[in-house]
N, C-alpha and C. Protein backbone atom coordinates (compact mmCIF):
# COMPACT_ATOMS: atom_id res chain seq x y z
N MET A 1 171.58 61.04 85.87
CA MET A 1 172.56 62.72 85.82
C MET A 1 172.95 62.97 84.52
N THR A 2 172.75 62.23 83.97
CA THR A 2 173.25 62.99 81.92
C THR A 2 171.93 63.51 81.79
N LYS A 3 170.62 62.65 81.69
CA LYS A 3 169.57 63.17 81.14
C LYS A 3 168.80 64.32 82.22
N GLY A 4 168.72 63.97 83.43
CA GLY A 4 168.58 65.14 84.24
C GLY A 4 169.28 66.84 84.14
N LEU A 5 170.97 66.88 83.81
CA LEU A 5 170.94 67.62 83.17
C LEU A 5 170.84 68.11 81.61
N VAL A 6 170.63 67.05 81.02
CA VAL A 6 170.30 67.59 79.44
C VAL A 6 168.84 68.43 79.30
N CYS A 7 168.03 67.61 80.74
CA CYS A 7 166.24 68.42 80.27
C CYS A 7 166.45 69.14 81.01
N CYS A 8 167.90 70.16 82.52
CA CYS A 8 168.00 71.00 82.71
C CYS A 8 168.52 71.70 81.53
N LEU A 9 168.92 72.03 80.52
CA LEU A 9 169.78 72.72 79.70
C LEU A 9 168.45 72.53 79.00
N LEU A 10 168.04 71.88 78.37
CA LEU A 10 166.26 72.14 77.38
C LEU A 10 166.02 73.29 77.13
N VAL A 11 165.66 72.94 79.07
CA VAL A 11 163.86 74.27 79.50
C VAL A 11 164.88 75.88 79.95
N LEU A 12 166.08 76.00 79.85
CA LEU A 12 167.37 77.21 80.71
C LEU A 12 167.34 77.17 79.15
N SER A 13 167.38 75.82 77.34
CA SER A 13 167.46 77.01 76.71
C SER A 13 166.36 77.88 76.32
N CYS A 14 164.23 77.01 76.87
CA CYS A 14 164.01 77.31 76.11
C CYS A 14 163.47 78.91 76.52
N CYS A 15 163.37 78.81 77.74
CA CYS A 15 163.58 80.10 78.18
C CYS A 15 163.50 81.33 78.15
N PHE A 16 165.19 80.48 77.78
CA PHE A 16 165.74 82.29 77.69
C PHE A 16 166.09 83.05 76.18
N LEU A 17 164.87 82.20 74.93
CA LEU A 17 165.92 82.00 73.85
C LEU A 17 164.70 81.71 72.97
N PRO A 18 163.54 82.18 73.36
CA PRO A 18 162.23 82.36 72.16
C PRO A 18 161.96 82.94 71.60
N GLY A 19 163.19 84.12 71.49
CA GLY A 19 162.58 84.71 69.73
C GLY A 19 163.70 84.23 68.71
N VAL A 20 164.55 83.30 69.75
CA VAL A 20 165.70 82.70 68.48
C VAL A 20 165.67 81.38 67.70
N THR A 21 164.00 80.64 67.61
CA THR A 21 164.09 79.76 67.55
C THR A 21 162.88 80.29 66.42
N GLY A 22 161.78 81.57 66.77
CA GLY A 22 161.35 81.73 65.43
C GLY A 22 161.16 81.89 64.56
N ALA A 23 160.35 81.63 63.62
CA ALA A 23 160.90 82.84 62.03
C ALA A 23 160.40 82.91 61.56
N SER A 24 160.38 84.50 61.57
CA SER A 24 159.03 85.12 61.73
C SER A 24 158.54 85.42 59.77
N GLY A 25 160.12 85.43 59.62
CA GLY A 25 160.13 85.79 57.83
C GLY A 25 160.02 87.50 58.03
N GLN A 26 160.46 88.31 59.45
CA GLN A 26 160.93 89.58 59.16
C GLN A 26 162.48 89.53 59.21
N SER A 27 162.61 91.09 58.66
CA SER A 27 164.60 91.20 59.97
C SER A 27 164.57 91.12 60.84
N GLN A 28 165.72 91.15 61.53
CA GLN A 28 164.98 90.91 63.56
C GLN A 28 166.90 91.78 63.89
N THR A 29 166.86 93.31 64.87
CA THR A 29 168.11 94.36 64.80
C THR A 29 168.43 92.82 66.10
N LEU A 30 170.23 93.07 66.38
CA LEU A 30 170.23 92.56 67.61
C LEU A 30 169.97 92.79 68.95
N PHE A 31 169.58 92.22 69.52
CA PHE A 31 170.11 91.90 71.14
C PHE A 31 171.42 93.06 71.20
N ASP A 32 171.56 93.16 72.23
CA ASP A 32 172.93 93.01 72.97
C ASP A 32 172.28 92.96 74.98
N PRO A 33 173.03 92.24 75.20
CA PRO A 33 172.07 92.28 76.45
C PRO A 33 173.33 93.26 77.71
N MET A 34 174.33 93.20 77.20
CA MET A 34 174.52 94.79 78.70
C MET A 34 174.12 96.39 77.53
N ARG A 35 173.45 96.30 77.40
CA ARG A 35 173.11 97.78 76.32
C ARG A 35 172.47 98.35 77.69
N PRO A 36 173.10 98.91 78.48
CA PRO A 36 171.63 100.51 79.30
C PRO A 36 170.64 100.36 79.17
N ALA A 37 169.73 100.41 79.92
CA ALA A 37 168.57 100.61 79.84
C ALA A 37 167.39 101.97 78.99
N ASP A 38 168.28 102.92 79.04
CA ASP A 38 168.49 104.56 78.79
C ASP A 38 168.79 104.16 76.89
N TYR A 39 169.35 103.08 76.42
CA TYR A 39 170.24 104.08 75.32
C TYR A 39 169.06 103.74 74.05
N GLN A 40 169.79 104.63 73.00
CA GLN A 40 169.27 104.94 71.29
C GLN A 40 169.81 104.40 71.11
N ARG A 41 169.43 103.98 69.53
CA ARG A 41 170.18 103.55 68.91
C ARG A 41 169.97 105.02 68.02
N PRO A 42 171.96 104.75 67.43
CA PRO A 42 171.56 106.11 66.50
C PRO A 42 171.00 106.12 65.21
N ASP A 43 170.77 105.17 64.72
CA ASP A 43 169.92 105.47 63.32
C ASP A 43 168.09 106.55 64.36
N ALA A 44 167.98 105.34 65.41
CA ALA A 44 166.11 105.71 65.56
C ALA A 44 166.75 107.67 65.91
N VAL A 45 168.03 108.12 65.97
CA VAL A 45 168.41 110.03 66.41
C VAL A 45 168.26 110.27 65.50
N ALA A 46 169.29 109.87 64.86
CA ALA A 46 169.70 110.07 63.06
C ALA A 46 169.94 109.66 61.94
N PRO A 47 169.10 109.68 60.99
CA PRO A 47 169.27 108.72 59.95
C PRO A 47 170.47 108.21 59.65
N GLN A 48 170.55 106.96 59.38
CA GLN A 48 172.27 106.52 59.05
C GLN A 48 172.41 106.44 57.92
N GLU A 49 173.42 106.75 57.63
CA GLU A 49 174.07 106.35 55.87
C GLU A 49 174.36 104.94 55.54
N ASN A 50 174.14 104.37 56.52
CA ASN A 50 175.05 102.84 55.94
C ASN A 50 173.32 102.02 56.01
N LYS A 51 172.07 102.75 56.19
CA LYS A 51 171.03 101.02 56.72
C LYS A 51 171.00 101.04 54.25
N PRO A 52 170.13 99.31 54.39
CA PRO A 52 169.69 99.56 53.13
C PRO A 52 168.98 100.02 52.77
N GLY A 53 169.12 100.07 51.61
CA GLY A 53 168.68 101.14 50.65
C GLY A 53 169.25 100.28 49.27
N SER A 54 168.53 101.71 47.71
CA SER A 54 169.09 100.90 46.88
C SER A 54 169.81 101.37 46.07
N ASN A 55 171.52 101.85 46.92
CA ASN A 55 172.50 101.95 46.49
C ASN A 55 172.73 100.46 47.10
N THR A 56 173.57 99.82 46.43
CA THR A 56 174.14 98.55 46.40
C THR A 56 175.48 98.81 46.83
N ALA A 57 175.87 99.58 46.36
CA ALA A 57 177.54 99.68 46.63
C ALA A 57 178.10 100.39 48.48
N SER A 58 177.21 100.40 48.95
CA SER A 58 176.96 100.83 50.36
C SER A 58 177.21 99.83 51.70
N TRP A 59 176.28 98.18 50.91
CA TRP A 59 175.69 97.27 51.85
C TRP A 59 176.72 96.53 51.96
N GLN A 60 177.51 96.30 53.56
CA GLN A 60 178.30 95.75 53.63
C GLN A 60 177.91 94.29 54.68
N LEU A 61 178.58 92.67 53.99
CA LEU A 61 178.76 92.09 54.87
C LEU A 61 179.04 92.08 55.72
N GLN A 62 177.94 91.80 56.98
CA GLN A 62 179.36 91.77 58.01
C GLN A 62 179.21 90.34 58.98
N SER A 63 178.38 89.85 58.62
CA SER A 63 178.49 88.23 59.32
C SER A 63 177.24 87.20 58.80
N THR A 64 177.63 86.01 58.74
CA THR A 64 177.06 84.92 58.38
C THR A 64 176.33 83.52 59.55
N LEU A 65 175.86 83.17 59.66
CA LEU A 65 175.49 82.26 60.58
C LEU A 65 174.63 81.52 59.56
N ILE A 66 175.29 79.86 60.23
CA ILE A 66 174.01 79.33 59.10
C ILE A 66 174.30 77.19 59.58
N SER A 67 172.53 77.06 59.96
CA SER A 67 173.13 75.47 60.33
C SER A 67 171.93 75.05 59.69
N ALA A 68 171.59 73.67 60.58
CA ALA A 68 170.34 73.36 59.85
C ALA A 68 169.57 73.67 59.34
N THR A 69 169.57 74.94 60.16
CA THR A 69 166.84 75.06 60.30
C THR A 69 167.35 76.70 59.81
N ARG A 70 168.71 77.03 59.72
CA ARG A 70 168.10 78.07 59.10
C ARG A 70 169.54 79.03 58.38
N SER A 71 169.90 80.47 58.00
CA SER A 71 170.73 80.62 58.01
C SER A 71 170.52 81.63 58.18
N ILE A 72 171.18 83.28 57.74
CA ILE A 72 171.17 84.55 58.63
C ILE A 72 172.42 85.04 58.08
N ALA A 73 172.57 86.64 57.29
CA ALA A 73 173.17 87.31 57.26
C ALA A 73 173.69 88.27 57.42
N VAL A 74 173.63 88.91 57.81
CA VAL A 74 174.09 90.36 58.58
C VAL A 74 174.67 91.53 58.03
N ILE A 75 173.73 92.49 57.22
CA ILE A 75 173.90 93.32 56.17
C ILE A 75 173.59 93.97 56.96
N ASN A 76 175.39 95.23 56.57
CA ASN A 76 175.33 96.68 57.93
C ASN A 76 174.65 96.65 58.76
N ASN A 77 173.82 96.33 59.90
CA ASN A 77 173.70 95.96 61.01
C ASN A 77 173.10 95.51 61.47
N THR A 78 171.85 94.66 60.36
CA THR A 78 170.47 94.27 60.55
C THR A 78 170.92 92.84 59.81
N ALA A 79 170.13 91.57 60.83
CA ALA A 79 169.52 90.32 60.06
C ALA A 79 168.60 90.30 59.21
N TYR A 80 169.39 89.32 58.06
CA TYR A 80 168.25 88.54 56.95
C TYR A 80 168.15 87.58 56.98
N GLN A 81 166.83 86.75 56.92
CA GLN A 81 167.30 85.69 55.93
C GLN A 81 166.75 85.37 55.39
N LYS A 82 166.85 84.13 54.95
CA LYS A 82 166.91 84.10 52.64
C LYS A 82 165.17 83.62 52.43
N GLY A 83 165.11 84.88 51.27
CA GLY A 83 163.90 84.68 50.86
C GLY A 83 163.62 86.28 51.50
N GLU A 84 163.92 87.16 52.64
CA GLU A 84 163.33 88.67 52.21
C GLU A 84 164.63 89.93 51.66
N ARG A 85 164.29 90.91 51.53
CA ARG A 85 163.59 91.51 51.13
C ARG A 85 164.96 93.21 51.21
N LEU A 86 165.44 93.34 50.60
CA LEU A 86 166.76 94.43 51.79
C LEU A 86 166.19 95.83 49.57
N ALA A 87 165.59 96.93 49.91
CA ALA A 87 165.48 97.30 49.20
C ALA A 87 164.50 96.71 48.26
N GLU A 88 164.88 96.76 47.02
CA GLU A 88 164.18 96.03 46.11
C GLU A 88 164.95 94.08 45.11
N TYR A 89 165.73 94.17 46.21
CA TYR A 89 166.48 93.21 46.21
C TYR A 89 166.16 92.29 46.50
N LEU A 90 166.00 90.51 46.40
CA LEU A 90 165.86 89.58 47.38
C LEU A 90 166.87 89.32 47.55
N LEU A 91 167.16 88.02 48.32
CA LEU A 91 168.18 87.93 49.20
C LEU A 91 167.37 86.25 49.30
N THR A 92 168.17 85.70 47.75
CA THR A 92 168.75 84.30 47.59
C THR A 92 169.16 83.81 47.98
N ASP A 93 170.29 83.70 48.41
CA ASP A 93 171.41 82.70 48.45
C ASP A 93 172.26 83.15 49.54
N ILE A 94 172.23 82.08 50.58
CA ILE A 94 173.33 83.14 52.20
C ILE A 94 174.81 82.10 52.13
N GLN A 95 175.67 82.21 51.79
CA GLN A 95 177.10 81.15 51.61
C GLN A 95 177.65 81.62 53.39
N PRO A 96 179.13 80.60 53.48
CA PRO A 96 179.89 81.29 54.07
C PRO A 96 180.31 82.60 53.73
N ASP A 97 180.64 82.74 53.29
CA ASP A 97 182.23 84.12 52.86
C ASP A 97 181.29 84.98 51.88
N ARG A 98 179.83 84.55 51.38
CA ARG A 98 179.08 85.16 50.18
C ARG A 98 177.49 85.40 50.67
N VAL A 99 176.57 86.08 50.48
CA VAL A 99 175.14 86.43 49.77
C VAL A 99 174.57 86.94 48.33
N VAL A 100 173.93 85.99 48.21
CA VAL A 100 173.57 86.51 46.75
C VAL A 100 171.92 86.91 46.39
N LEU A 101 171.88 88.81 45.92
CA LEU A 101 171.17 89.26 45.92
C LEU A 101 170.15 89.39 44.80
N ASN A 102 168.84 89.66 44.27
CA ASN A 102 167.97 89.53 42.41
C ASN A 102 167.74 90.33 43.34
N ASN A 103 166.91 91.31 41.75
CA ASN A 103 165.44 92.56 41.79
C ASN A 103 164.86 91.68 40.45
N GLY A 104 165.29 90.27 39.34
CA GLY A 104 165.44 90.21 38.78
C GLY A 104 165.45 90.68 37.65
N ALA A 105 166.18 91.87 36.99
CA ALA A 105 167.40 92.62 36.12
C ALA A 105 168.78 91.77 36.25
N GLU A 106 169.36 92.19 37.81
CA GLU A 106 170.20 91.94 38.89
C GLU A 106 171.02 91.44 39.58
N ARG A 107 171.51 90.55 39.92
CA ARG A 107 172.30 90.46 40.52
C ARG A 107 173.50 90.80 40.86
N VAL A 108 173.93 90.89 42.48
CA VAL A 108 174.24 91.37 43.13
C VAL A 108 175.17 90.77 44.33
N VAL A 109 176.47 90.28 44.46
CA VAL A 109 177.09 88.90 44.82
C VAL A 109 177.73 89.99 46.04
N LEU A 110 177.37 89.63 47.54
CA LEU A 110 178.27 90.67 48.90
C LEU A 110 179.81 89.61 49.02
N HIS A 111 180.16 89.82 49.44
CA HIS A 111 181.21 89.72 50.01
C HIS A 111 181.83 89.70 51.30
N ARG A 112 181.84 88.69 52.06
CA ARG A 112 182.34 89.33 53.71
C ARG A 112 184.02 89.00 53.60
N GLN A 113 184.36 90.39 54.69
CA GLN A 113 185.77 90.68 54.84
C GLN A 113 186.75 89.81 54.95
N GLY A 114 187.61 89.66 53.89
CA GLY A 114 188.55 88.82 55.37
C GLY A 114 188.35 86.68 54.50
N THR A 115 187.21 86.59 53.67
CA THR A 115 187.45 85.43 53.64
C THR A 115 187.78 85.10 51.26
N GLY A 116 188.90 85.76 51.30
CA GLY A 116 189.96 86.20 50.37
C GLY A 116 190.59 84.95 49.91
N THR A 117 191.00 84.42 49.16
CA THR A 117 191.54 83.28 48.73
C THR A 117 193.70 83.27 49.20
N LYS A 118 193.44 82.65 49.84
CA LYS A 118 195.24 82.03 51.13
C LYS A 118 195.78 81.52 50.43
N THR A 119 197.31 82.16 49.51
CA THR A 119 198.02 81.02 48.87
C THR A 119 199.47 80.67 50.39
N PRO A 120 199.48 79.26 49.48
CA PRO A 120 200.79 79.23 50.65
C PRO A 120 201.97 79.12 50.54
N LEU A 121 202.89 79.54 51.58
CA LEU A 121 203.74 80.08 51.83
C LEU A 121 204.92 79.21 51.53
N ASN A 122 205.81 79.43 50.50
CA ASN A 122 206.59 78.23 49.79
C ASN A 122 208.18 78.42 50.47
N ARG A 123 208.65 77.61 51.75
CA ARG A 123 209.48 77.89 51.89
C ARG A 123 210.91 75.96 51.76
């Protein structure tokens, strides 16, 4: 019974998650399954102000995903893997609370909001 259930779940996950397992080396835009079919992305209609460019001050680390097989960082609504480029910077490290980008001359560390050091309450 359990073996059959595991096999069924494995087959279903392969059918519904084909793009998740492949590592193409390209950045991925996350897909919203609840989005209407006729929806147009705002950055497709007009230039996006926050789109990563050479102005690193506008870059915002929104989330990270770290597993045994891959690490992904979402910066300004776009998913990046280690080794991918943002403008002239190379994404060299992904940690749960920060990412490191290098361009040879400069090192940029982006921290995820809400991950500051917490101090214990004295009671």
